[in-house]
Structure formats: structure tokens, C-alpha cells
Amino acid sequence: MGARGETLTGLSGLGDLILTCSSPQSRNFALGLALGRGEQPPAGKLAEGEFTAPVLIELAASQNIEMPVSEAVASILSGRSTIDAAISGLLTRPFRAEE
């Protein structure tokens, strides 16, 4: 589901995903950019991803699904990991076949 409750189907869902990932107007993009620069997140801007990341990880775990990138993002957002440590952890994961 997207930020406004729509599913990721069709061109509108794809457009929403692309905009969220690439536009400085996107609150999620602004949050990621601030974190990457080592700055505080923009004040007064609610980024949905900050609150949905831990829920996604919990749901994935309940379904026995590994989501290492999402786990790294949730760890960074919660302050349990630095960006450098998360990247290092992802890059040193053992190679295996993806399903």
C-alpha cells in the first residue's frame, strides 16, 4: 500500500513509488537525504517510511521472510545502527541464491 492507501498496481502506483524514491518534494526522500548527509531529519515533516519500516520488518519476520535491506533501514532509523555499519553488514552478507 502506498502512503495514501493505494496498492502498487498500474502506472499510478509505479509513479507514486518513483516519486517517493526520487523527488526532493517527497518526505521519505528528504528523510533519507538528511540521514545520508548526517543531518537531523527535516522538522515538522512526517515521513511514513520512518514509522512503517519497523512494522514491515515485524511482518516479514512473522512470515519467515528475510529482508536485509529493509532491516538495515529500520536499524538506521531506530538508531541501532549507523549507515556505515549497515552498508558494511549488507556488503559482507554471504552470497546465496535468491528465491
PDB file of N, CA and C in Angstrom:
ATOM      1  N   MET A   1       0.827  -1.176   0.000  1.00  0.00           N
ATOM      2  CA  MET A   1       0.000   0.000   0.000  1.00  0.00           C
ATOM      3  C   MET A   1       0.871   1.239   0.000  1.00  0.00           C
ATOM      4  N   GLY A   2       0.466   2.207  -0.735  1.00  0.00           N
ATOM      5  CA  GLY A   2       1.176   3.464  -0.768  1.00  0.00           C
ATOM      6  C   GLY A   2       0.796   4.333   0.409  1.00  0.00           C
ATOM      7  N   ALA A   3       1.350   5.522   0.446  1.00  0.00           N
ATOM      8  CA  ALA A   3       1.127   6.429   1.561  1.00  0.00           C
ATOM      9  C   ALA A   3      -0.342   6.802   1.702  1.00  0.00           C
ATOM     10  N   ARG A   4      -1.053   6.798   0.617  1.00  0.00           N
ATOM     11  CA  ARG A   4      -2.461   7.183   0.671  1.00  0.00           C
ATOM     12  C   ARG A   4      -3.384   5.974   0.624  1.00  0.00           C
ATOM     13  N   GLY A   5      -2.842   4.787   0.809  1.00  0.00           N
ATOM     14  CA  GLY A   5      -3.658   3.598   0.903  1.00  0.00           C
ATOM     15  C   GLY A   5      -3.858   2.867  -0.411  1.00  0.00           C
ATOM     16  N   GLU A   6      -3.323   3.374  -1.517  1.00  0.00           N
ATOM     17  CA  GLU A   6      -3.497   2.673  -2.783  1.00  0.00           C
ATOM     18  C   GLU A   6      -2.494   1.533  -2.892  1.00  0.00           C
ATOM     19  N   THR A   7      -2.813   0.590  -3.721  1.00  0.00           N
ATOM     20  CA  THR A   7      -1.886  -0.518  -3.924  1.00  0.00           C
ATOM     21  C   THR A   7      -0.887  -0.131  -5.006  1.00  0.00           C
ATOM     22  N   LEU A   8       0.204  -0.865  -5.065  1.00  0.00           N
ATOM     23  CA  LEU A   8       1.233  -0.605  -6.060  1.00  0.00           C
ATOM     24  C   LEU A   8       0.885  -1.382  -7.326  1.00  0.00           C
ATOM     25  N   THR A   9      -0.113  -0.910  -8.023  1.00  0.00           N
ATOM     26  CA  THR A   9      -0.506  -1.530  -9.278  1.00  0.00           C
ATOM     27  C   THR A   9      -0.720  -0.443 -10.307  1.00  0.00           C
ATOM     28  N   GLY A  10      -0.455  -0.775 -11.528  1.00  0.00           N
ATOM     29  CA  GLY A  10      -0.678   0.167 -12.615  1.00  0.00           C
ATOM     30  C   GLY A  10       0.323   1.295 -12.624  1.00  0.00           C
ATOM     31  N   LEU A  11       0.121   2.195 -13.560  1.00  0.00           N
ATOM     32  CA  LEU A  11       1.055   3.312 -13.725  1.00  0.00           C
ATOM     33  C   LEU A  11       1.009   4.296 -12.568  1.00  0.00           C
ATOM     34  N   SER A  12      -0.164   4.486 -11.966  1.00  0.00           N
ATOM     35  CA  SER A  12      -0.236   5.442 -10.857  1.00  0.00           C
ATOM     36  C   SER A  12       0.550   4.934  -9.647  1.00  0.00           C
ATOM     37  N   GLY A  13       0.472   3.631  -9.368  1.00  0.00           N
ATOM     38  CA  GLY A  13       1.242   3.069  -8.259  1.00  0.00           C
ATOM     39  C   GLY A  13       2.730   3.129  -8.525  1.00  0.00           C
ATOM     40  N   LEU A  14       3.125   2.841  -9.748  1.00  0.00           N
ATOM     41  CA  LEU A  14       4.535   2.916 -10.121  1.00  0.00           C
ATOM     42  C   LEU A  14       5.020   4.360 -10.044  1.00  0.00           C
ATOM     43  N   GLY A  15       4.196   5.280 -10.516  1.00  0.00           N
ATOM     44  CA  GLY A  15       4.559   6.698 -10.457  1.00  0.00           C
ATOM     45  C   GLY A  15       4.749   7.163  -9.028  1.00  0.00           C
ATOM     46  N   ASP A  16       3.867   6.720  -8.128  1.00  0.00           N
ATOM     47  CA  ASP A  16       3.971   7.085  -6.721  1.00  0.00           C
ATOM     48  C   ASP A  16       5.275   6.557  -6.131  1.00  0.00           C
ATOM     49  N   LEU A  17       5.623   5.325  -6.464  1.00  0.00           N
ATOM     50  CA  LEU A  17       6.862   4.735  -5.971  1.00  0.00           C
ATOM     51  C   LEU A  17       8.078   5.505  -6.486  1.00  0.00           C
ATOM     52  N   ILE A  18       8.093   5.817  -7.769  1.00  0.00           N
ATOM     53  CA  ILE A  18       9.222   6.543  -8.348  1.00  0.00           C
ATOM     54  C   ILE A  18       9.348   7.928  -7.721  1.00  0.00           C
ATOM     55  N   LEU A  19       8.226   8.613  -7.550  1.00  0.00           N
ATOM     56  CA  LEU A  19       8.250   9.944  -6.952  1.00  0.00           C
ATOM     57  C   LEU A  19       8.756   9.887  -5.516  1.00  0.00           C
ATOM     58  N   THR A  20       8.303   8.910  -4.739  1.00  0.00           N
ATOM     59  CA  THR A  20       8.738   8.757  -3.350  1.00  0.00           C
ATOM     60  C   THR A  20      10.239   8.533  -3.260  1.00  0.00           C
ATOM     61  N   CYS A  21      10.788   7.813  -4.229  1.00  0.00           N
ATOM     62  CA  CYS A  21      12.211   7.465  -4.191  1.00  0.00           C
ATOM     63  C   CYS A  21      13.129   8.512  -4.802  1.00  0.00           C
ATOM     64  N   SER A  22      12.581   9.455  -5.554  1.00  0.00           N
ATOM     65  CA  SER A  22      13.482  10.315  -6.316  1.00  0.00           C
ATOM     66  C   SER A  22      13.206  11.810  -6.245  1.00  0.00           C
ATOM     67  N   SER A  23      12.145  12.220  -5.623  1.00  0.00           N
ATOM     68  CA  SER A  23      11.804  13.638  -5.617  1.00  0.00           C
ATOM     69  C   SER A  23      12.146  14.316  -4.295  1.00  0.00           C
ATOM     70  N   PRO A  24      12.842  15.439  -4.356  1.00  0.00           N
ATOM     71  CA  PRO A  24      13.114  16.189  -3.123  1.00  0.00           C
ATOM     72  C   PRO A  24      11.826  16.655  -2.439  1.00  0.00           C
ATOM     73  N   GLN A  25      10.717  16.655  -3.149  1.00  0.00           N
ATOM     74  CA  GLN A  25       9.425  17.020  -2.562  1.00  0.00           C
ATOM     75  C   GLN A  25       8.880  15.904  -1.669  1.00  0.00           C
ATOM     76  N   SER A  26       9.397  14.683  -1.820  1.00  0.00           N
ATOM     77  CA  SER A  26       8.942  13.537  -1.044  1.00  0.00           C
ATOM     78  C   SER A  26       9.502  13.595   0.370  1.00  0.00           C
ATOM     79  N   ARG A  27       8.646  13.398   1.354  1.00  0.00           N
ATOM     80  CA  ARG A  27       9.110  13.405   2.747  1.00  0.00           C
ATOM     81  C   ARG A  27      10.049  12.238   3.020  1.00  0.00           C
ATOM     82  N   ASN A  28       9.774  11.075   2.425  1.00  0.00           N
ATOM     83  CA  ASN A  28      10.667   9.924   2.614  1.00  0.00           C
ATOM     84  C   ASN A  28      12.032  10.200   1.998  1.00  0.00           C
ATOM     85  N   PHE A  29      12.045  10.798   0.813  1.00  0.00           N
ATOM     86  CA  PHE A  29      13.305  11.140   0.147  1.00  0.00           C
ATOM     87  C   PHE A  29      14.081  12.147   0.994  1.00  0.00           C
ATOM     88  N   ALA A  30      13.375  13.165   1.511  1.00  0.00           N
ATOM     89  CA  ALA A  30      14.026  14.193   2.331  1.00  0.00           C
ATOM     90  C   ALA A  30      14.620  13.583   3.599  1.00  0.00           C
ATOM     91  N   LEU A  31      13.911  12.629   4.196  1.00  0.00           N
ATOM     92  CA  LEU A  31      14.425  11.943   5.381  1.00  0.00           C
ATOM     93  C   LEU A  31      15.700  11.169   5.040  1.00  0.00           C
ATOM     94  N   GLY A  32      15.659  10.398   3.973  1.00  0.00           N
ATOM     95  CA  GLY A  32      16.831   9.621   3.567  1.00  0.00           C
ATOM     96  C   GLY A  32      18.018  10.504   3.226  1.00  0.00           C
ATOM     97  N   LEU A  33      17.753  11.594   2.546  1.00  0.00           N
ATOM     98  CA  LEU A  33      18.818  12.524   2.182  1.00  0.00           C
ATOM     99  C   LEU A  33      19.462  13.137   3.428  1.00  0.00           C
ATOM    100  N   ALA A  34      18.635  13.538   4.395  1.00  0.00           N
ATOM    101  CA  ALA A  34      19.167  14.101   5.635  1.00  0.00           C
ATOM    102  C   ALA A  34      20.007  13.073   6.381  1.00  0.00           C
ATOM    103  N   LEU A  35      19.498  11.853   6.492  1.00  0.00           N
ATOM    104  CA  LEU A  35      20.261  10.811   7.184  1.00  0.00           C
ATOM    105  C   LEU A  35      21.587  10.550   6.480  1.00  0.00           C
ATOM    106  N   GLY A  36      21.573  10.494   5.154  1.00  0.00           N
ATOM    107  CA  GLY A  36      22.785  10.249   4.385  1.00  0.00           C
ATOM    108  C   GLY A  36      23.814  11.351   4.545  1.00  0.00           C
ATOM    109  N   ARG A  37      23.343  12.551   4.785  1.00  0.00           N
ATOM    110  CA  ARG A  37      24.250  13.693   4.985  1.00  0.00           C
ATOM    111  C   ARG A  37      24.677  13.843   6.439  1.00  0.00           C
ATOM    112  N   GLY A  38      24.136  12.985   7.314  1.00  0.00           N
ATOM    113  CA  GLY A  38      24.463  13.075   8.729  1.00  0.00           C
ATOM    114  C   GLY A  38      23.745  14.205   9.429  1.00  0.00           C
ATOM    115  N   GLU A  39      22.626  14.647   8.869  1.00  0.00           N
ATOM    116  CA  GLU A  39      21.852  15.750   9.435  1.00  0.00           C
ATOM    117  C   GLU A  39      20.626  15.215  10.156  1.00  0.00           C
ATOM    118  N   GLN A  40      20.002  16.080  10.925  1.00  0.00           N
ATOM    119  CA  GLN A  40      18.736  15.740  11.562  1.00  0.00           C
ATOM    120  C   GLN A  40      17.639  15.722  10.503  1.00  0.00           C
ATOM    121  N   PRO A  41      16.648  14.845  10.660  1.00  0.00           N
ATOM    122  CA  PRO A  41      15.527  14.828   9.707  1.00  0.00           C
ATOM    123  C   PRO A  41      14.823  16.180   9.695  1.00  0.00           C
ATOM    124  N   PRO A  42      14.212  16.529   8.561  1.00  0.00           N
ATOM    125  CA  PRO A  42      13.502  17.810   8.482  1.00  0.00           C
ATOM    126  C   PRO A  42      12.424  17.909   9.555  1.00  0.00           C
ATOM    127  N   ALA A  43      12.420  19.025  10.270  1.00  0.00           N
ATOM    128  CA  ALA A  43      11.448  19.221  11.347  1.00  0.00           C
ATOM    129  C   ALA A  43      10.050  19.428  10.771  1.00  0.00           C
ATOM    130  N   GLY A  44       9.085  18.848  11.432  1.00  0.00           N
ATOM    131  CA  GLY A  44       7.693  19.058  11.048  1.00  0.00           C
ATOM    132  C   GLY A  44       7.227  18.282   9.833  1.00  0.00           C
ATOM    133  N   LYS A  45       8.061  17.390   9.305  1.00  0.00           N
ATOM    134  CA  LYS A  45       7.677  16.594   8.142  1.00  0.00           C
ATOM    135  C   LYS A  45       7.565  15.132   8.554  1.00  0.00           C
ATOM    136  N   LEU A  46       6.368  14.599   8.469  1.00  0.00           N
ATOM    137  CA  LEU A  46       6.137  13.194   8.803  1.00  0.00           C
ATOM    138  C   LEU A  46       6.497  12.332   7.599  1.00  0.00           C
ATOM    139  N   ALA A  47       7.503  11.501   7.747  1.00  0.00           N
ATOM    140  CA  ALA A  47       7.894  10.566   6.684  1.00  0.00           C
ATOM    141  C   ALA A  47       7.319   9.204   7.045  1.00  0.00           C
ATOM    142  N   GLU A  48       6.399   8.723   6.233  1.00  0.00           N
ATOM    143  CA  GLU A  48       5.711   7.468   6.517  1.00  0.00           C
ATOM    144  C   GLU A  48       6.690   6.307   6.698  1.00  0.00           C
ATOM    145  N   GLY A  49       7.749   6.306   5.899  1.00  0.00           N
ATOM    146  CA  GLY A  49       8.722   5.215   5.952  1.00  0.00           C
ATOM    147  C   GLY A  49       9.361   5.047   7.312  1.00  0.00           C
ATOM    148  N   GLU A  50       9.509   6.131   8.045  1.00  0.00           N
ATOM    149  CA  GLU A  50      10.125   6.066   9.369  1.00  0.00           C
ATOM    150  C   GLU A  50       9.286   5.219  10.327  1.00  0.00           C
ATOM    151  N   PHE A  51       7.980   5.248  10.148  1.00  0.00           N
ATOM    152  CA  PHE A  51       7.087   4.512  11.045  1.00  0.00           C
ATOM    153  C   PHE A  51       6.682   3.156  10.486  1.00  0.00           C
ATOM    154  N   THR A  52       6.738   3.010   9.166  1.00  0.00           N
ATOM    155  CA  THR A  52       6.349   1.723   8.584  1.00  0.00           C
ATOM    156  C   THR A  52       7.508   0.729   8.518  1.00  0.00           C
ATOM    157  N   ALA A  53       8.748   1.203   8.554  1.00  0.00           N
ATOM    158  CA  ALA A  53       9.904   0.296   8.469  1.00  0.00           C
ATOM    159  C   ALA A  53       9.892  -0.774   9.560  1.00  0.00           C
ATOM    160  N   PRO A  54       9.710  -0.415  10.832  1.00  0.00           N
ATOM    161  CA  PRO A  54       9.713  -1.476  11.847  1.00  0.00           C
ATOM    162  C   PRO A  54       8.514  -2.418  11.725  1.00  0.00           C
ATOM    163  N   VAL A  55       7.398  -1.909  11.254  1.00  0.00           N
ATOM    164  CA  VAL A  55       6.213  -2.746  11.066  1.00  0.00           C
ATOM    165  C   VAL A  55       6.461  -3.732   9.928  1.00  0.00           C
ATOM    166  N   LEU A  56       7.111  -3.262   8.863  1.00  0.00           N
ATOM    167  CA  LEU A  56       7.444  -4.143   7.741  1.00  0.00           C
ATOM    168  C   LEU A  56       8.350  -5.280   8.200  1.00  0.00           C
ATOM    169  N   ILE A  57       9.346  -4.961   9.001  1.00  0.00           N
ATOM    170  CA  ILE A  57      10.278  -5.974   9.487  1.00  0.00           C
ATOM    171  C   ILE A  57       9.551  -6.995  10.362  1.00  0.00           C
ATOM    172  N   GLU A  58       8.666  -6.515  11.201  1.00  0.00           N
ATOM    173  CA  GLU A  58       7.889  -7.410  12.060  1.00  0.00           C
ATOM    174  C   GLU A  58       7.009  -8.339  11.221  1.00  0.00           C
ATOM    175  N   LEU A  59       6.351  -7.783  10.204  1.00  0.00           N
ATOM    176  CA  LEU A  59       5.501  -8.596   9.331  1.00  0.00           C
ATOM    177  C   LEU A  59       6.333  -9.621   8.567  1.00  0.00           C
ATOM    178  N   ALA A  60       7.471  -9.192   8.031  1.00  0.00           N
ATOM    179  CA  ALA A  60       8.341 -10.115   7.291  1.00  0.00           C
ATOM    180  C   ALA A  60       8.810 -11.250   8.194  1.00  0.00           C
ATOM    181  N   ALA A  61       9.199 -10.923   9.419  1.00  0.00           N
ATOM    182  CA  ALA A  61       9.658 -11.952  10.354  1.00  0.00           C
ATOM    183  C   ALA A  61       8.537 -12.939  10.672  1.00  0.00           C
ATOM    184  N   SER A  62       7.321 -12.438  10.798  1.00  0.00           N
ATOM    185  CA  SER A  62       6.202 -13.334  11.108  1.00  0.00           C
ATOM    186  C   SER A  62       5.905 -14.299   9.966  1.00  0.00           C
ATOM    187  N   GLN A  63       6.329 -13.922   8.743  1.00  0.00           N
ATOM    188  CA  GLN A  63       6.131 -14.772   7.571  1.00  0.00           C
ATOM    189  C   GLN A  63       7.416 -15.506   7.191  1.00  0.00           C
ATOM    190  N   ASN A  64       8.449 -15.379   8.037  1.00  0.00           N
ATOM    191  CA  ASN A  64       9.740 -16.025   7.808  1.00  0.00           C
ATOM    192  C   ASN A  64      10.380 -15.576   6.486  1.00  0.00           C
ATOM    193  N   ILE A  65      10.306 -14.267   6.232  1.00  0.00           N
ATOM    194  CA  ILE A  65      10.866 -13.683   5.014  1.00  0.00           C
ATOM    195  C   ILE A  65      12.047 -12.798   5.405  1.00  0.00           C
ATOM    196  N   GLU A  66      13.191 -13.020   4.776  1.00  0.00           N
ATOM    197  CA  GLU A  66      14.366 -12.191   5.028  1.00  0.00           C
ATOM    198  C   GLU A  66      14.309 -10.946   4.155  1.00  0.00           C
ATOM    199  N   MET A  67      14.514  -9.797   4.771  1.00  0.00           N
ATOM    200  CA  MET A  67      14.534  -8.525   4.048  1.00  0.00           C
ATOM    201  C   MET A  67      15.716  -7.696   4.558  1.00  0.00           C
ATOM    202  N   PRO A  68      16.931  -8.073   4.154  1.00  0.00           N
ATOM    203  CA  PRO A  68      18.118  -7.444   4.735  1.00  0.00           C
ATOM    204  C   PRO A  68      18.209  -5.939   4.510  1.00  0.00           C
ATOM    205  N   VAL A  69      17.818  -5.450   3.353  1.00  0.00           N
ATOM    206  CA  VAL A  69      17.898  -4.005   3.114  1.00  0.00           C
ATOM    207  C   VAL A  69      16.891  -3.282   4.003  1.00  0.00           C
ATOM    208  N   SER A  70      15.676  -3.805   4.071  1.00  0.00           N
ATOM    209  CA  SER A  70      14.653  -3.196   4.925  1.00  0.00           C
ATOM    210  C   SER A  70      15.055  -3.266   6.393  1.00  0.00           C
ATOM    211  N   GLU A  71      15.673  -4.371   6.794  1.00  0.00           N
ATOM    212  CA  GLU A  71      16.152  -4.499   8.171  1.00  0.00           C
ATOM    213  C   GLU A  71      17.228  -3.457   8.453  1.00  0.00           C
ATOM    214  N   ALA A  72      18.102  -3.211   7.494  1.00  0.00           N
ATOM    215  CA  ALA A  72      19.156  -2.204   7.661  1.00  0.00           C
ATOM    216  C   ALA A  72      18.538  -0.811   7.795  1.00  0.00           C
ATOM    217  N   VAL A  73      17.556  -0.519   6.967  1.00  0.00           N
ATOM    218  CA  VAL A  73      16.886   0.791   7.031  1.00  0.00           C
ATOM    219  C   VAL A  73      16.226   0.970   8.389  1.00  0.00           C
ATOM    220  N   ALA A  74      15.492  -0.033   8.849  1.00  0.00           N
ATOM    221  CA  ALA A  74      14.819   0.056  10.143  1.00  0.00           C
ATOM    222  C   ALA A  74      15.832   0.237  11.270  1.00  0.00           C
ATOM    223  N   SER A  75      16.969  -0.437  11.165  1.00  0.00           N
ATOM    224  CA  SER A  75      18.012  -0.328  12.179  1.00  0.00           C
ATOM    225  C   SER A  75      18.605   1.079  12.217  1.00  0.00           C
ATOM    226  N   ILE A  76      18.812   1.664  11.059  1.00  0.00           N
ATOM    227  CA  ILE A  76      19.335   3.037  10.988  1.00  0.00           C
ATOM    228  C   ILE A  76      18.317   4.009  11.567  1.00  0.00           C
ATOM    229  N   LEU A  77      17.057   3.861  11.165  1.00  0.00           N
ATOM    230  CA  LEU A  77      16.013   4.781  11.625  1.00  0.00           C
ATOM    231  C   LEU A  77      15.806   4.712  13.134  1.00  0.00           C
ATOM    232  N   SER A  78      16.006   3.541  13.713  1.00  0.00           N
ATOM    233  CA  SER A  78      15.802   3.397  15.154  1.00  0.00           C
ATOM    234  C   SER A  78      17.039   3.808  15.960  1.00  0.00           C
ATOM    235  N   GLY A  79      18.145   4.061  15.254  1.00  0.00           N
ATOM    236  CA  GLY A  79      19.377   4.443  15.932  1.00  0.00           C
ATOM    237  C   GLY A  79      20.198   3.264  16.430  1.00  0.00           C
ATOM    238  N   ARG A  80      19.786   2.042  16.074  1.00  0.00           N
ATOM    239  CA  ARG A  80      20.541   0.854  16.492  1.00  0.00           C
ATOM    240  C   ARG A  80      21.784   0.634  15.638  1.00  0.00           C
ATOM    241  N   SER A  81      21.855   1.304  14.486  1.00  0.00           N
ATOM    242  CA  SER A  81      22.983   1.115  13.576  1.00  0.00           C
ATOM    243  C   SER A  81      23.302   2.428  12.883  1.00  0.00           C
ATOM    244  N   THR A  82      24.557   2.567  12.505  1.00  0.00           N
ATOM    245  CA  THR A  82      24.939   3.710  11.681  1.00  0.00           C
ATOM    246  C   THR A  82      24.788   3.313  10.211  1.00  0.00           C
ATOM    247  N   ILE A  83      24.793   4.280   9.356  1.00  0.00           N
ATOM    248  CA  ILE A  83      24.694   3.997   7.924  1.00  0.00           C
ATOM    249  C   ILE A  83      25.901   3.177   7.479  1.00  0.00           C
ATOM    250  N   ASP A  84      27.086   3.561   7.930  1.00  0.00           N
ATOM    251  CA  ASP A  84      28.295   2.831   7.535  1.00  0.00           C
ATOM    252  C   ASP A  84      28.253   1.376   7.997  1.00  0.00           C
ATOM    253  N   ALA A  85      27.800   1.138   9.228  1.00  0.00           N
ATOM    254  CA  ALA A  85      27.721  -0.228   9.742  1.00  0.00           C
ATOM    255  C   ALA A  85      26.669  -1.029   8.973  1.00  0.00           C
ATOM    256  N   ALA A  86      25.554  -0.401   8.639  1.00  0.00           N
ATOM    257  CA  ALA A  86      24.503  -1.099   7.891  1.00  0.00           C
ATOM    258  C   ALA A  86      24.993  -1.481   6.499  1.00  0.00           C
ATOM    259  N   ILE A  87      25.679  -0.569   5.832  1.00  0.00           N
ATOM    260  CA  ILE A  87      26.218  -0.857   4.500  1.00  0.00           C
ATOM    261  C   ILE A  87      27.246  -1.976   4.584  1.00  0.00           C
ATOM    262  N   SER A  88      28.122  -1.896   5.565  1.00  0.00           N
ATOM    263  CA  SER A  88      29.130  -2.941   5.735  1.00  0.00           C
ATOM    264  C   SER A  88      28.469  -4.299   5.963  1.00  0.00           C
ATOM    265  N   GLY A  89      27.441  -4.315   6.796  1.00  0.00           N
ATOM    266  CA  GLY A  89      26.730  -5.562   7.056  1.00  0.00           C
ATOM    267  C   GLY A  89      26.080  -6.134   5.811  1.00  0.00           C
ATOM    268  N   LEU A  90      25.531  -5.269   4.976  1.00  0.00           N
ATOM    269  CA  LEU A  90      24.901  -5.736   3.733  1.00  0.00           C
ATOM    270  C   LEU A  90      25.945  -6.255   2.747  1.00  0.00           C
ATOM    271  N   LEU A  91      27.069  -5.554   2.653  1.00  0.00           N
ATOM    272  CA  LEU A  91      28.098  -5.936   1.684  1.00  0.00           C
ATOM    273  C   LEU A  91      28.870  -7.183   2.095  1.00  0.00           C
ATOM    274  N   THR A  92      28.837  -7.531   3.362  1.00  0.00           N
ATOM    275  CA  THR A  92      29.575  -8.713   3.813  1.00  0.00           C
ATOM    276  C   THR A  92      28.663  -9.917   4.035  1.00  0.00           C
ATOM    277  N   ARG A  93      27.396  -9.774   3.665  1.00  0.00           N
ATOM    278  CA  ARG A  93      26.495 -10.939   3.762  1.00  0.00           C
ATOM    279  C   ARG A  93      26.985 -12.033   2.829  1.00  0.00           C
ATOM    280  N   PRO A  94      26.879 -13.276   3.254  1.00  0.00           N
ATOM    281  CA  PRO A  94      27.290 -14.359   2.365  1.00  0.00           C
ATOM    282  C   PRO A  94      26.381 -14.434   1.132  1.00  0.00           C
ATOM    283  N   PHE A  95      26.985 -14.774   0.008  1.00  0.00           N
ATOM    284  CA  PHE A  95      26.204 -14.930  -1.210  1.00  0.00           C
ATOM    285  C   PHE A  95      25.367 -16.190  -1.113  1.00  0.00           C
ATOM    286  N   ARG A  96      24.164 -16.124  -1.615  1.00  0.00           N
ATOM    287  CA  ARG A  96      23.301 -17.310  -1.694  1.00  0.00           C
ATOM    288  C   ARG A  96      22.255 -17.056  -2.755  1.00  0.00           C
ATOM    289  N   ALA A  97      21.632 -18.112  -3.185  1.00  0.00           N
ATOM    290  CA  ALA A  97      20.596 -17.989  -4.211  1.00  0.00           C
ATOM    291  C   ALA A  97      19.380 -17.264  -3.639  1.00  0.00           C
ATOM    292  N   GLU A  98      18.853 -16.340  -4.403  1.00  0.00           N
ATOM    293  CA  GLU A  98      17.631 -15.634  -4.008  1.00  0.00           C
ATOM    294  C   GLU A  98      16.436 -16.396  -4.543  1.00  0.00           C
ATOM    295  N   GLU A  99      15.386 -16.386  -3.778  1.00  0.00           N
ATOM    296  CA  GLU A  99      14.177 -17.090  -4.197  1.00  0.00           C
ATOM    297  C   GLU A  99      13.241 -16.166  -4.918  1.00  0.00           C
TER     298      GLU A  99
END
